[in-house]
Amino acid sequence: MSDRRRPRLAVAPLLVMLAVAAALSFGTRVSSAADRPDFQLPFPCGQAWRLDSWGHAPALDMVREPDQQGTEGSLLIAPADGVVESSFRHDNAGEVIQIDHGDGWFTTYLHLESRSVNVGDQVAQGDEIGHVGRSGPTSNDHPHLHFELAVDADGSGSATWGFEGAERVRPWFGGVELGQGNNQTWRDVASGNCGEPPPPPPPPPTTVVETTTTVAPTTTAPATTTTVAPTTTSAPATTTTTAPAVVTTTDPDDSLPRTGSSTTALGAAIGAGLLAGGAALVLARRYIVR
């Protein structure tokens, strides 16, 4: 009887060792994934979204706030740096993308309108990866993003998704954990996917500007000498011409008086002529008398 029990006792330690090894392997892989990337909401900076777990926690369905308007066609961006693991069309989930963020962390996106990346593409946080849509029958023809965060627990190099018991875990955005249970809603969750602020610009080089003061030359206008000819206004000399005295000579032979009025010279000449005539007349009379 003791011979029959020995093989059973030998098998028990082997099973225990395998279980411990598996547990250590799983624990080691999860521990390596503990350095979780700084995941942000996969939408542009500041956009507000409503997140619902419905009956598939920890997965989340996302629609635009406040009234879901603009959900369809919304830009989808990477929540953290990574490499595209999958980009394909699924029969039920529609357009699907999965990104490997390193250290065993994966994100998966379902029901997309379009995909902007291919397998092997490297993406940085904030890079465009697609647009939100309603593709696939399981979207119920309702525009929304079905999002899952997962840890590659089995080391397959990808993460299972889309069903209860898959490798999906509670998502984190901006350091806040969500998806703790079914039928939970988070309203007006603003995206912190804003990128790193740009470094401040370097200070401008110090330029010493030599200030040159240009003084306009002082031009002294030559003195203007205005020679004003002296205006001597002399009243024209008033020449008072005194009319010559009226000399009335009574000619014995002529009873009519002779009146002369001219310039002084003319009067003098006439007078002289009269005198000469008178003298001649006197001499003639004397001569006749003798």
C-alpha atoms as a PDB file:
ATOM      1  CA  MET A   1       0.000   0.000   0.000  1.00  0.00           C
ATOM      2  CA  SER A   2       2.864   2.222   0.783  1.00  0.00           C
ATOM      3  CA  ASP A   3       4.202   1.553  -2.703  1.00  0.00           C
ATOM      4  CA  ARG A   4       0.985   2.812  -4.232  1.00  0.00           C
ATOM      5  CA  ARG A   5       1.012   6.039  -2.261  1.00  0.00           C
ATOM      6  CA  ARG A   6       4.531   7.093  -3.147  1.00  0.00           C
ATOM      7  CA  PRO A   7       3.776   8.154  -6.716  1.00  0.00           C
ATOM      8  CA  ARG A   8       0.826  10.236  -5.501  1.00  0.00           C
ATOM      9  CA  LEU A   9       2.971  11.907  -2.872  1.00  0.00           C
ATOM     10  CA  ALA A  10       5.626  12.598  -5.496  1.00  0.00           C
ATOM     11  CA  VAL A  11       3.126  14.256  -7.827  1.00  0.00           C
ATOM     12  CA  ALA A  12       1.742  16.662  -5.182  1.00  0.00           C
ATOM     13  CA  PRO A  13       4.959  18.651  -4.664  1.00  0.00           C
ATOM     14  CA  LEU A  14       5.339  18.984  -8.432  1.00  0.00           C
ATOM     15  CA  LEU A  15       1.876  20.516  -8.807  1.00  0.00           C
ATOM     16  CA  VAL A  16       2.585  22.917  -5.959  1.00  0.00           C
ATOM     17  CA  MET A  17       5.820  24.000  -7.565  1.00  0.00           C
ATOM     18  CA  LEU A  18       4.113  24.627 -10.908  1.00  0.00           C
ATOM     19  CA  ALA A  19       1.375  26.671  -9.224  1.00  0.00           C
ATOM     20  CA  VAL A  20       3.924  28.755  -7.345  1.00  0.00           C
ATOM     21  CA  ALA A  21       5.916  29.309 -10.515  1.00  0.00           C
ATOM     22  CA  ALA A  22       2.808  30.428 -12.375  1.00  0.00           C
ATOM     23  CA  ALA A  23       1.848  32.757  -9.559  1.00  0.00           C
ATOM     24  CA  LEU A  24       5.339  34.216  -9.435  1.00  0.00           C
ATOM     25  CA  SER A  25       5.338  34.653 -13.198  1.00  0.00           C
ATOM     26  CA  PHE A  26       1.967  36.434 -13.131  1.00  0.00           C
ATOM     27  CA  GLY A  27       2.966  38.523 -10.160  1.00  0.00           C
ATOM     28  CA  THR A  28       6.226  39.502 -11.778  1.00  0.00           C
ATOM     29  CA  ARG A  29       4.477  40.564 -15.016  1.00  0.00           C
ATOM     30  CA  VAL A  30       1.846  42.613 -13.195  1.00  0.00           C
ATOM     31  CA  SER A  31       4.552  44.181 -11.050  1.00  0.00           C
ATOM     32  CA  SER A  32       6.497  45.217 -14.141  1.00  0.00           C
ATOM     33  CA  ALA A  33       3.333  46.900 -15.471  1.00  0.00           C
ATOM     34  CA  ALA A  34       2.882  48.837 -12.228  1.00  0.00           C
ATOM     35  CA  ASP A  35       4.837  51.697 -13.733  1.00  0.00           C
ATOM     36  CA  ARG A  36       1.678  52.889 -15.426  1.00  0.00           C
ATOM     37  CA  PRO A  37       2.015  55.555 -18.144  1.00  0.00           C
ATOM     38  CA  ASP A  38       0.390  58.910 -17.536  1.00  0.00           C
ATOM     39  CA  PHE A  39      -2.771  58.120 -19.503  1.00  0.00           C
ATOM     40  CA  GLN A  40      -4.984  61.038 -20.516  1.00  0.00           C
ATOM     41  CA  LEU A  41      -8.441  61.025 -22.073  1.00  0.00           C
ATOM     42  CA  PRO A  42      -8.006  60.174 -25.790  1.00  0.00           C
ATOM     43  CA  PHE A  43      -9.503  63.467 -26.950  1.00  0.00           C
ATOM     44  CA  PRO A  44      -8.158  66.978 -27.593  1.00  0.00           C
ATOM     45  CA  CYS A  45      -7.284  69.199 -24.672  1.00  0.00           C
ATOM     46  CA  GLY A  46     -10.214  70.564 -22.680  1.00  0.00           C
ATOM     47  CA  GLN A  47     -13.017  68.629 -24.414  1.00  0.00           C
ATOM     48  CA  ALA A  48     -15.693  67.384 -21.991  1.00  0.00           C
ATOM     49  CA  TRP A  49     -16.975  63.787 -22.280  1.00  0.00           C
ATOM     50  CA  ARG A  50     -19.467  61.581 -20.469  1.00  0.00           C
ATOM     51  CA  LEU A  51     -18.134  58.151 -19.434  1.00  0.00           C
ATOM     52  CA  ASP A  52     -20.427  55.166 -18.666  1.00  0.00           C
ATOM     53  CA  SER A  53     -19.515  51.666 -17.529  1.00  0.00           C
ATOM     54  CA  TRP A  54     -23.018  50.245 -18.228  1.00  0.00           C
ATOM     55  CA  GLY A  55     -22.891  46.467 -17.725  1.00  0.00           C
ATOM     56  CA  HIS A  56     -19.316  45.888 -18.893  1.00  0.00           C
ATOM     57  CA  ALA A  57     -17.085  47.502 -16.259  1.00  0.00           C
ATOM     58  CA  PRO A  58     -14.215  48.213 -16.236  1.00  0.00           C
ATOM     59  CA  ALA A  59     -14.676  49.059 -19.937  1.00  0.00           C
ATOM     60  CA  LEU A  60     -16.122  52.518 -20.649  1.00  0.00           C
ATOM     61  CA  ASP A  61     -18.375  53.985 -23.357  1.00  0.00           C
ATOM     62  CA  MET A  62     -17.701  57.661 -24.128  1.00  0.00           C
ATOM     63  CA  VAL A  63     -19.926  60.365 -25.680  1.00  0.00           C
ATOM     64  CA  ARG A  64     -19.589  64.146 -25.979  1.00  0.00           C
ATOM     65  CA  GLU A  65     -21.036  66.484 -23.395  1.00  0.00           C
ATOM     66  CA  PRO A  66     -23.434  68.082 -22.848  1.00  0.00           C
ATOM     67  CA  ASP A  67     -25.916  66.376 -25.197  1.00  0.00           C
ATOM     68  CA  GLN A  68     -23.780  63.888 -27.193  1.00  0.00           C
ATOM     69  CA  GLN A  69     -23.856  66.237 -30.176  1.00  0.00           C
ATOM     70  CA  GLY A  70     -20.593  66.053 -32.095  1.00  0.00           C
ATOM     71  CA  THR A  71     -19.678  62.586 -30.851  1.00  0.00           C
ATOM     72  CA  GLU A  72     -19.639  61.046 -34.315  1.00  0.00           C
ATOM     73  CA  GLY A  73     -16.524  62.053 -36.203  1.00  0.00           C
ATOM     74  CA  SER A  74     -14.743  63.456 -33.129  1.00  0.00           C
ATOM     75  CA  LEU A  75     -10.971  63.334 -33.297  1.00  0.00           C
ATOM     76  CA  LEU A  76      -9.391  60.438 -31.424  1.00  0.00           C
ATOM     77  CA  ILE A  77      -5.836  60.892 -30.151  1.00  0.00           C
ATOM     78  CA  ALA A  78      -3.314  58.701 -28.347  1.00  0.00           C
ATOM     79  CA  PRO A  79      -3.670  58.781 -24.540  1.00  0.00           C
ATOM     80  CA  ALA A  80       0.050  58.023 -24.095  1.00  0.00           C
ATOM     81  CA  ASP A  81       3.126  57.194 -26.162  1.00  0.00           C
ATOM     82  CA  GLY A  82       3.175  53.763 -27.772  1.00  0.00           C
ATOM     83  CA  VAL A  83       3.302  51.531 -30.847  1.00  0.00           C
ATOM     84  CA  VAL A  84       0.220  50.417 -32.791  1.00  0.00           C
ATOM     85  CA  GLU A  85      -0.319  46.686 -32.101  1.00  0.00           C
ATOM     86  CA  SER A  86      -3.544  46.196 -34.112  1.00  0.00           C
ATOM     87  CA  SER A  87      -5.496  48.212 -36.693  1.00  0.00           C
ATOM     88  CA  PHE A  88      -8.246  46.276 -38.487  1.00  0.00           C
ATOM     89  CA  ARG A  89     -11.943  45.785 -39.201  1.00  0.00           C
ATOM     90  CA  HIS A  90     -13.749  43.424 -36.798  1.00  0.00           C
ATOM     91  CA  ASP A  91     -17.038  41.708 -37.678  1.00  0.00           C
ATOM     92  CA  ASN A  92     -18.811  42.822 -34.480  1.00  0.00           C
ATOM     93  CA  ALA A  93     -16.719  45.665 -33.069  1.00  0.00           C
ATOM     94  CA  GLY A  94     -16.230  47.487 -36.370  1.00  0.00           C
ATOM     95  CA  GLU A  95     -13.058  49.512 -36.815  1.00  0.00           C
ATOM     96  CA  VAL A  96     -10.595  48.588 -34.025  1.00  0.00           C
ATOM     97  CA  ILE A  97      -7.215  49.912 -32.894  1.00  0.00           C
ATOM     98  CA  GLN A  98      -4.986  48.577 -30.109  1.00  0.00           C
ATOM     99  CA  ILE A  99      -1.839  50.380 -28.893  1.00  0.00           C
ATOM    100  CA  ASP A 100       1.046  48.867 -26.922  1.00  0.00           C
ATOM    101  CA  HIS A 101       2.247  51.475 -24.404  1.00  0.00           C
ATOM    102  CA  GLY A 102       5.078  49.363 -23.015  1.00  0.00           C
ATOM    103  CA  ASP A 103       5.541  47.469 -19.754  1.00  0.00           C
ATOM    104  CA  GLY A 104       2.485  45.339 -20.579  1.00  0.00           C
ATOM    105  CA  TRP A 105      -0.028  48.219 -20.850  1.00  0.00           C
ATOM    106  CA  PHE A 106      -2.459  48.259 -23.786  1.00  0.00           C
ATOM    107  CA  THR A 107      -5.410  50.431 -24.824  1.00  0.00           C
ATOM    108  CA  THR A 108      -8.125  49.276 -27.232  1.00  0.00           C
ATOM    109  CA  TYR A 109     -10.658  51.383 -29.197  1.00  0.00           C
ATOM    110  CA  LEU A 110     -13.869  49.993 -30.808  1.00  0.00           C
ATOM    111  CA  HIS A 111     -16.621  51.194 -33.179  1.00  0.00           C
ATOM    112  CA  LEU A 112     -14.426  53.816 -34.889  1.00  0.00           C
ATOM    113  CA  GLU A 113     -15.526  55.762 -37.930  1.00  0.00           C
ATOM    114  CA  SER A 114     -12.001  55.663 -39.343  1.00  0.00           C
ATOM    115  CA  ARG A 115      -8.446  54.614 -38.475  1.00  0.00           C
ATOM    116  CA  SER A 116      -5.473  56.923 -39.093  1.00  0.00           C
ATOM    117  CA  VAL A 117      -2.668  54.520 -38.074  1.00  0.00           C
ATOM    118  CA  ASN A 118      -1.300  51.165 -39.152  1.00  0.00           C
ATOM    119  CA  VAL A 119       0.365  48.303 -37.302  1.00  0.00           C
ATOM    120  CA  GLY A 120       3.883  49.255 -36.224  1.00  0.00           C
ATOM    121  CA  ASP A 121       3.308  53.017 -36.262  1.00  0.00           C
ATOM    122  CA  GLN A 122       4.843  54.865 -33.337  1.00  0.00           C
ATOM    123  CA  VAL A 123       2.578  57.444 -31.757  1.00  0.00           C
ATOM    124  CA  ALA A 124       3.161  60.104 -29.147  1.00  0.00           C
ATOM    125  CA  GLN A 125       0.595  61.278 -26.642  1.00  0.00           C
ATOM    126  CA  GLY A 126      -1.781  63.600 -28.483  1.00  0.00           C
ATOM    127  CA  ASP A 127      -1.159  62.196 -31.984  1.00  0.00           C
ATOM    128  CA  GLU A 128      -4.194  61.524 -34.152  1.00  0.00           C
ATOM    129  CA  ILE A 129      -5.125  57.837 -34.383  1.00  0.00           C
ATOM    130  CA  GLY A 130      -8.678  57.939 -35.801  1.00  0.00           C
ATOM    131  CA  HIS A 131     -12.226  59.277 -35.442  1.00  0.00           C
ATOM    132  CA  VAL A 132     -15.158  58.207 -33.263  1.00  0.00           C
ATOM    133  CA  GLY A 133     -18.006  56.422 -35.027  1.00  0.00           C
ATOM    134  CA  ARG A 134     -20.701  53.734 -34.842  1.00  0.00           C
ATOM    135  CA  SER A 135     -19.151  50.913 -36.864  1.00  0.00           C
ATOM    136  CA  GLY A 136     -19.939  47.249 -36.083  1.00  0.00           C
ATOM    137  CA  PRO A 137     -23.275  45.711 -35.058  1.00  0.00           C
ATOM    138  CA  THR A 138     -22.494  45.859 -31.338  1.00  0.00           C
ATOM    139  CA  SER A 139     -22.445  49.682 -31.462  1.00  0.00           C
ATOM    140  CA  ASN A 140     -26.283  49.504 -31.716  1.00  0.00           C
ATOM    141  CA  ASP A 141     -25.872  52.182 -34.395  1.00  0.00           C
ATOM    142  CA  HIS A 142     -25.159  54.711 -31.646  1.00  0.00           C
ATOM    143  CA  PRO A 143     -22.034  56.913 -32.041  1.00  0.00           C
ATOM    144  CA  HIS A 144     -19.670  56.367 -29.113  1.00  0.00           C
ATOM    145  CA  LEU A 145     -16.177  55.180 -28.253  1.00  0.00           C
ATOM    146  CA  HIS A 146     -15.811  51.843 -26.470  1.00  0.00           C
ATOM    147  CA  PHE A 147     -12.512  52.095 -24.559  1.00  0.00           C
ATOM    148  CA  GLU A 148     -10.573  49.437 -22.657  1.00  0.00           C
ATOM    149  CA  LEU A 149      -7.317  49.555 -20.711  1.00  0.00           C
ATOM    150  CA  ALA A 150      -5.607  46.188 -20.295  1.00  0.00           C
ATOM    151  CA  VAL A 151      -2.501  44.513 -18.907  1.00  0.00           C
ATOM    152  CA  ASP A 152      -0.835  41.707 -20.864  1.00  0.00           C
ATOM    153  CA  ALA A 153      -0.947  39.235 -17.971  1.00  0.00           C
ATOM    154  CA  ASP A 154      -0.086  36.135 -20.010  1.00  0.00           C
ATOM    155  CA  GLY A 155       2.835  37.696 -21.875  1.00  0.00           C
ATOM    156  CA  SER A 156       1.350  37.096 -25.312  1.00  0.00           C
ATOM    157  CA  GLY A 157       2.461  40.498 -26.593  1.00  0.00           C
ATOM    158  CA  SER A 158      -1.119  41.733 -26.932  1.00  0.00           C
ATOM    159  CA  ALA A 159      -4.156  42.151 -24.692  1.00  0.00           C
ATOM    160  CA  THR A 160      -7.496  40.401 -24.865  1.00  0.00           C
ATOM    161  CA  TRP A 161     -10.568  42.634 -24.933  1.00  0.00           C
ATOM    162  CA  GLY A 162     -14.309  42.756 -25.431  1.00  0.00           C
ATOM    163  CA  PHE A 163     -15.553  40.091 -22.987  1.00  0.00           C
ATOM    164  CA  GLU A 164     -15.844  39.415 -19.298  1.00  0.00           C
ATOM    165  CA  GLY A 165     -12.648  37.819 -18.057  1.00  0.00           C
ATOM    166  CA  ALA A 166     -10.453  39.541 -20.648  1.00  0.00           C
ATOM    167  CA  GLU A 167      -7.223  41.216 -19.554  1.00  0.00           C
ATOM    168  CA  ARG A 168      -8.898  44.618 -19.250  1.00  0.00           C
ATOM    169  CA  VAL A 169      -8.451  46.577 -16.017  1.00  0.00           C
ATOM    170  CA  ARG A 170      -9.814  49.801 -14.542  1.00  0.00           C
ATOM    171  CA  PRO A 171      -8.773  52.782 -16.639  1.00  0.00           C
ATOM    172  CA  TRP A 172      -6.863  55.762 -15.319  1.00  0.00           C
ATOM    173  CA  PHE A 173      -6.983  59.270 -16.769  1.00  0.00           C
ATOM    174  CA  GLY A 174      -4.847  62.033 -15.332  1.00  0.00           C
ATOM    175  CA  GLY A 175      -4.097  59.837 -12.305  1.00  0.00           C
ATOM    176  CA  VAL A 176      -7.793  59.235 -11.503  1.00  0.00           C
ATOM    177  CA  GLU A 177      -9.155  55.658 -11.512  1.00  0.00           C
ATOM    178  CA  LEU A 178     -12.563  54.989 -13.103  1.00  0.00           C
ATOM    179  CA  GLY A 179     -14.666  51.971 -14.031  1.00  0.00           C
ATOM    180  CA  GLN A 180     -14.942  50.548 -10.503  1.00  0.00           C
ATOM    181  CA  GLY A 181     -18.362  48.986 -11.149  1.00  0.00           C
ATOM    182  CA  ASN A 182     -21.234  48.548 -13.553  1.00  0.00           C
ATOM    183  CA  ASN A 183     -23.847  51.215 -14.294  1.00  0.00           C
ATOM    184  CA  GLN A 184     -21.658  54.109 -13.173  1.00  0.00           C
ATOM    185  CA  THR A 185     -21.513  57.485 -14.934  1.00  0.00           C
ATOM    186  CA  TRP A 186     -18.905  60.215 -14.853  1.00  0.00           C
ATOM    187  CA  ARG A 187     -20.093  63.557 -16.259  1.00  0.00           C
ATOM    188  CA  ASP A 188     -18.137  66.401 -17.822  1.00  0.00           C
ATOM    189  CA  VAL A 189     -14.756  64.699 -17.663  1.00  0.00           C
ATOM    190  CA  ALA A 190     -12.395  67.198 -19.276  1.00  0.00           C
ATOM    191  CA  SER A 191      -9.472  65.937 -21.310  1.00  0.00           C
ATOM    192  CA  GLY A 192      -6.052  66.709 -19.922  1.00  0.00           C
ATOM    193  CA  ASN A 193      -4.420  65.555 -23.161  1.00  0.00           C
ATOM    194  CA  CYS A 194      -2.806  68.922 -23.701  1.00  0.00           C
ATOM    195  CA  GLY A 195       0.809  67.992 -24.287  1.00  0.00           C
ATOM    196  CA  GLU A 196       3.735  69.491 -22.489  1.00  0.00           C
ATOM    197  CA  PRO A 197       3.814  73.267 -22.415  1.00  0.00           C
ATOM    198  CA  PRO A 198       6.409  74.602 -24.816  1.00  0.00           C
ATOM    199  CA  PRO A 199       9.627  75.789 -23.200  1.00  0.00           C
ATOM    200  CA  PRO A 200       9.843  79.519 -22.751  1.00  0.00           C
ATOM    201  CA  PRO A 201      11.596  81.238 -25.615  1.00  0.00           C
ATOM    202  CA  PRO A 202      15.215  82.190 -24.972  1.00  0.00           C
ATOM    203  CA  PRO A 203      15.737  85.785 -24.014  1.00  0.00           C
ATOM    204  CA  PRO A 204      16.580  87.982 -26.947  1.00  0.00           C
ATOM    205  CA  PRO A 205      20.270  88.762 -27.376  1.00  0.00           C
ATOM    206  CA  THR A 206      21.383  91.917 -25.703  1.00  0.00           C
ATOM    207  CA  THR A 207      22.128  94.371 -28.443  1.00  0.00           C
ATOM    208  CA  VAL A 208      23.854  97.576 -27.526  1.00  0.00           C
ATOM    209  CA  VAL A 209      22.500 100.149 -29.843  1.00  0.00           C
ATOM    210  CA  GLU A 210      24.800 103.100 -30.142  1.00  0.00           C
ATOM    211  CA  THR A 211      22.704 106.166 -30.077  1.00  0.00           C
ATOM    212  CA  THR A 212      23.956 108.718 -32.540  1.00  0.00           C
ATOM    213  CA  THR A 213      22.502 112.142 -32.105  1.00  0.00           C
ATOM    214  CA  THR A 214      22.652 114.034 -35.331  1.00  0.00           C
ATOM    215  CA  VAL A 215      22.404 117.733 -34.775  1.00  0.00           C
ATOM    216  CA  ALA A 216      21.356 119.595 -37.826  1.00  0.00           C
ATOM    217  CA  PRO A 217      24.026 122.189 -38.735  1.00  0.00           C
ATOM    218  CA  THR A 218      23.087 125.674 -37.707  1.00  0.00           C
ATOM    219  CA  THR A 219      22.954 127.722 -40.841  1.00  0.00           C
ATOM    220  CA  THR A 220      22.999 131.414 -40.194  1.00  0.00           C
ATOM    221  CA  ALA A 221      21.358 133.161 -43.047  1.00  0.00           C
ATOM    222  CA  PRO A 222      23.487 136.040 -44.255  1.00  0.00           C
ATOM    223  CA  ALA A 223      22.301 139.299 -42.976  1.00  0.00           C
ATOM    224  CA  THR A 224      20.000 140.804 -45.487  1.00  0.00           C
ATOM    225  CA  THR A 225      21.104 144.289 -46.103  1.00  0.00           C
ATOM    226  CA  THR A 226      18.314 146.228 -47.572  1.00  0.00           C
ATOM    227  CA  THR A 227      19.545 149.436 -48.890  1.00  0.00           C
ATOM    228  CA  VAL A 228      16.674 151.748 -49.113  1.00  0.00           C
ATOM    229  CA  ALA A 229      17.454 154.626 -51.296  1.00  0.00           C
ATOM    230  CA  PRO A 230      16.680 157.673 -49.318  1.00  0.00           C
ATOM    231  CA  THR A 231      13.516 159.018 -50.567  1.00  0.00           C
ATOM    232  CA  THR A 232      13.947 162.714 -50.695  1.00  0.00           C
ATOM    233  CA  THR A 233      10.668 164.125 -51.466  1.00  0.00           C
ATOM    234  CA  SER A 234      11.233 167.693 -52.179  1.00  0.00           C
ATOM    235  CA  ALA A 235       8.271 169.648 -52.980  1.00  0.00           C
ATOM    236  CA  PRO A 236       8.882 171.039 -56.409  1.00  0.00           C
ATOM    237  CA  ALA A 237      10.224 174.438 -56.128  1.00  0.00           C
ATOM    238  CA  THR A 238       7.420 176.833 -56.448  1.00  0.00           C
ATOM    239  CA  THR A 239       8.426 179.298 -59.032  1.00  0.00           C
ATOM    240  CA  THR A 240       6.383 182.334 -58.636  1.00  0.00           C
ATOM    241  CA  THR A 241       6.408 184.127 -61.844  1.00  0.00           C
ATOM    242  CA  THR A 242       5.509 187.628 -61.313  1.00  0.00           C
ATOM    243  CA  ALA A 243       3.760 188.942 -64.260  1.00  0.00           C
ATOM    244  CA  PRO A 244       5.685 191.826 -65.675  1.00  0.00           C
ATOM    245  CA  ALA A 245       4.379 195.153 -64.846  1.00  0.00           C
ATOM    246  CA  VAL A 246       1.959 196.448 -67.383  1.00  0.00           C
ATOM    247  CA  VAL A 247       3.678 199.230 -69.149  1.00  0.00           C
ATOM    248  CA  THR A 248       1.313 201.528 -70.874  1.00  0.00           C
ATOM    249  CA  THR A 249       2.984 203.633 -73.490  1.00  0.00           C
ATOM    250  CA  THR A 250       1.064 206.374 -75.037  1.00  0.00           C
ATOM    251  CA  ASP A 251       2.098 206.662 -78.590  1.00  0.00           C
ATOM    252  CA  PRO A 252       1.469 210.137 -79.876  1.00  0.00           C
ATOM    253  CA  ASP A 253       0.530 208.552 -83.135  1.00  0.00           C
ATOM    254  CA  ASP A 254      -1.569 205.869 -81.618  1.00  0.00           C
ATOM    255  CA  SER A 255      -4.280 206.487 -79.071  1.00  0.00           C
ATOM    256  CA  LEU A 256      -4.581 202.848 -78.194  1.00  0.00           C
ATOM    257  CA  PRO A 257      -2.477 201.677 -75.207  1.00  0.00           C
ATOM    258  CA  ARG A 258      -0.141 198.694 -75.787  1.00  0.00           C
ATOM    259  CA  THR A 259      -0.202 196.086 -73.100  1.00  0.00           C
ATOM    260  CA  GLY A 260       2.587 193.469 -72.900  1.00  0.00           C
ATOM    261  CA  SER A 261       2.487 190.493 -70.561  1.00  0.00           C
ATOM    262  CA  SER A 262       5.091 187.766 -70.920  1.00  0.00           C
ATOM    263  CA  THR A 263       8.122 186.517 -69.149  1.00  0.00           C
ATOM    264  CA  THR A 264      10.532 188.936 -67.621  1.00  0.00           C
ATOM    265  CA  ALA A 265      12.999 188.564 -70.451  1.00  0.00           C
ATOM    266  CA  LEU A 266      10.376 189.248 -73.043  1.00  0.00           C
ATOM    267  CA  GLY A 267       9.149 192.204 -71.106  1.00  0.00           C
ATOM    268  CA  ALA A 268      12.658 193.520 -70.744  1.00  0.00           C
ATOM    269  CA  ALA A 269      13.272 193.152 -74.452  1.00  0.00           C
ATOM    270  CA  ILE A 270      10.083 194.902 -75.287  1.00  0.00           C
ATOM    271  CA  GLY A 271      10.870 197.595 -72.814  1.00  0.00           C
ATOM    272  CA  ALA A 272      14.315 198.002 -74.215  1.00  0.00           C
ATOM    273  CA  GLY A 273      12.840 198.206 -77.673  1.00  0.00           C
ATOM    274  CA  LEU A 274      10.398 200.822 -76.604  1.00  0.00           C
ATOM    275  CA  LEU A 275      13.139 202.839 -74.956  1.00  0.00           C
ATOM    276  CA  ALA A 276      15.252 202.595 -78.025  1.00  0.00           C
ATOM    277  CA  GLY A 277      12.306 203.592 -80.151  1.00  0.00           C
ATOM    278  CA  GLY A 278      11.536 206.473 -77.875  1.00  0.00           C
ATOM    279  CA  ALA A 279      15.103 207.667 -77.986  1.00  0.00           C
ATOM    280  CA  ALA A 280      15.118 207.454 -81.753  1.00  0.00           C
ATOM    281  CA  LEU A 281      11.903 209.393 -81.917  1.00  0.00           C
ATOM    282  CA  VAL A 282      13.350 212.108 -79.708  1.00  0.00           C
ATOM    283  CA  LEU A 283      16.393 212.423 -81.938  1.00  0.00           C
ATOM    284  CA  ALA A 284      14.230 212.580 -85.004  1.00  0.00           C
ATOM    285  CA  ARG A 285      12.153 215.343 -83.583  1.00  0.00           C
ATOM    286  CA  ARG A 286      15.262 217.306 -82.725  1.00  0.00           C
ATOM    287  CA  TYR A 287      16.537 216.818 -86.137  1.00  0.00           C
ATOM    288  CA  ILE A 288      13.355 218.013 -87.713  1.00  0.00           C
ATOM    289  CA  VAL A 289      13.256 221.078 -85.521  1.00  0.00           C
ATOM    290  CA  ARG A 290      16.649 222.223 -86.604  1.00  0.00           C
END
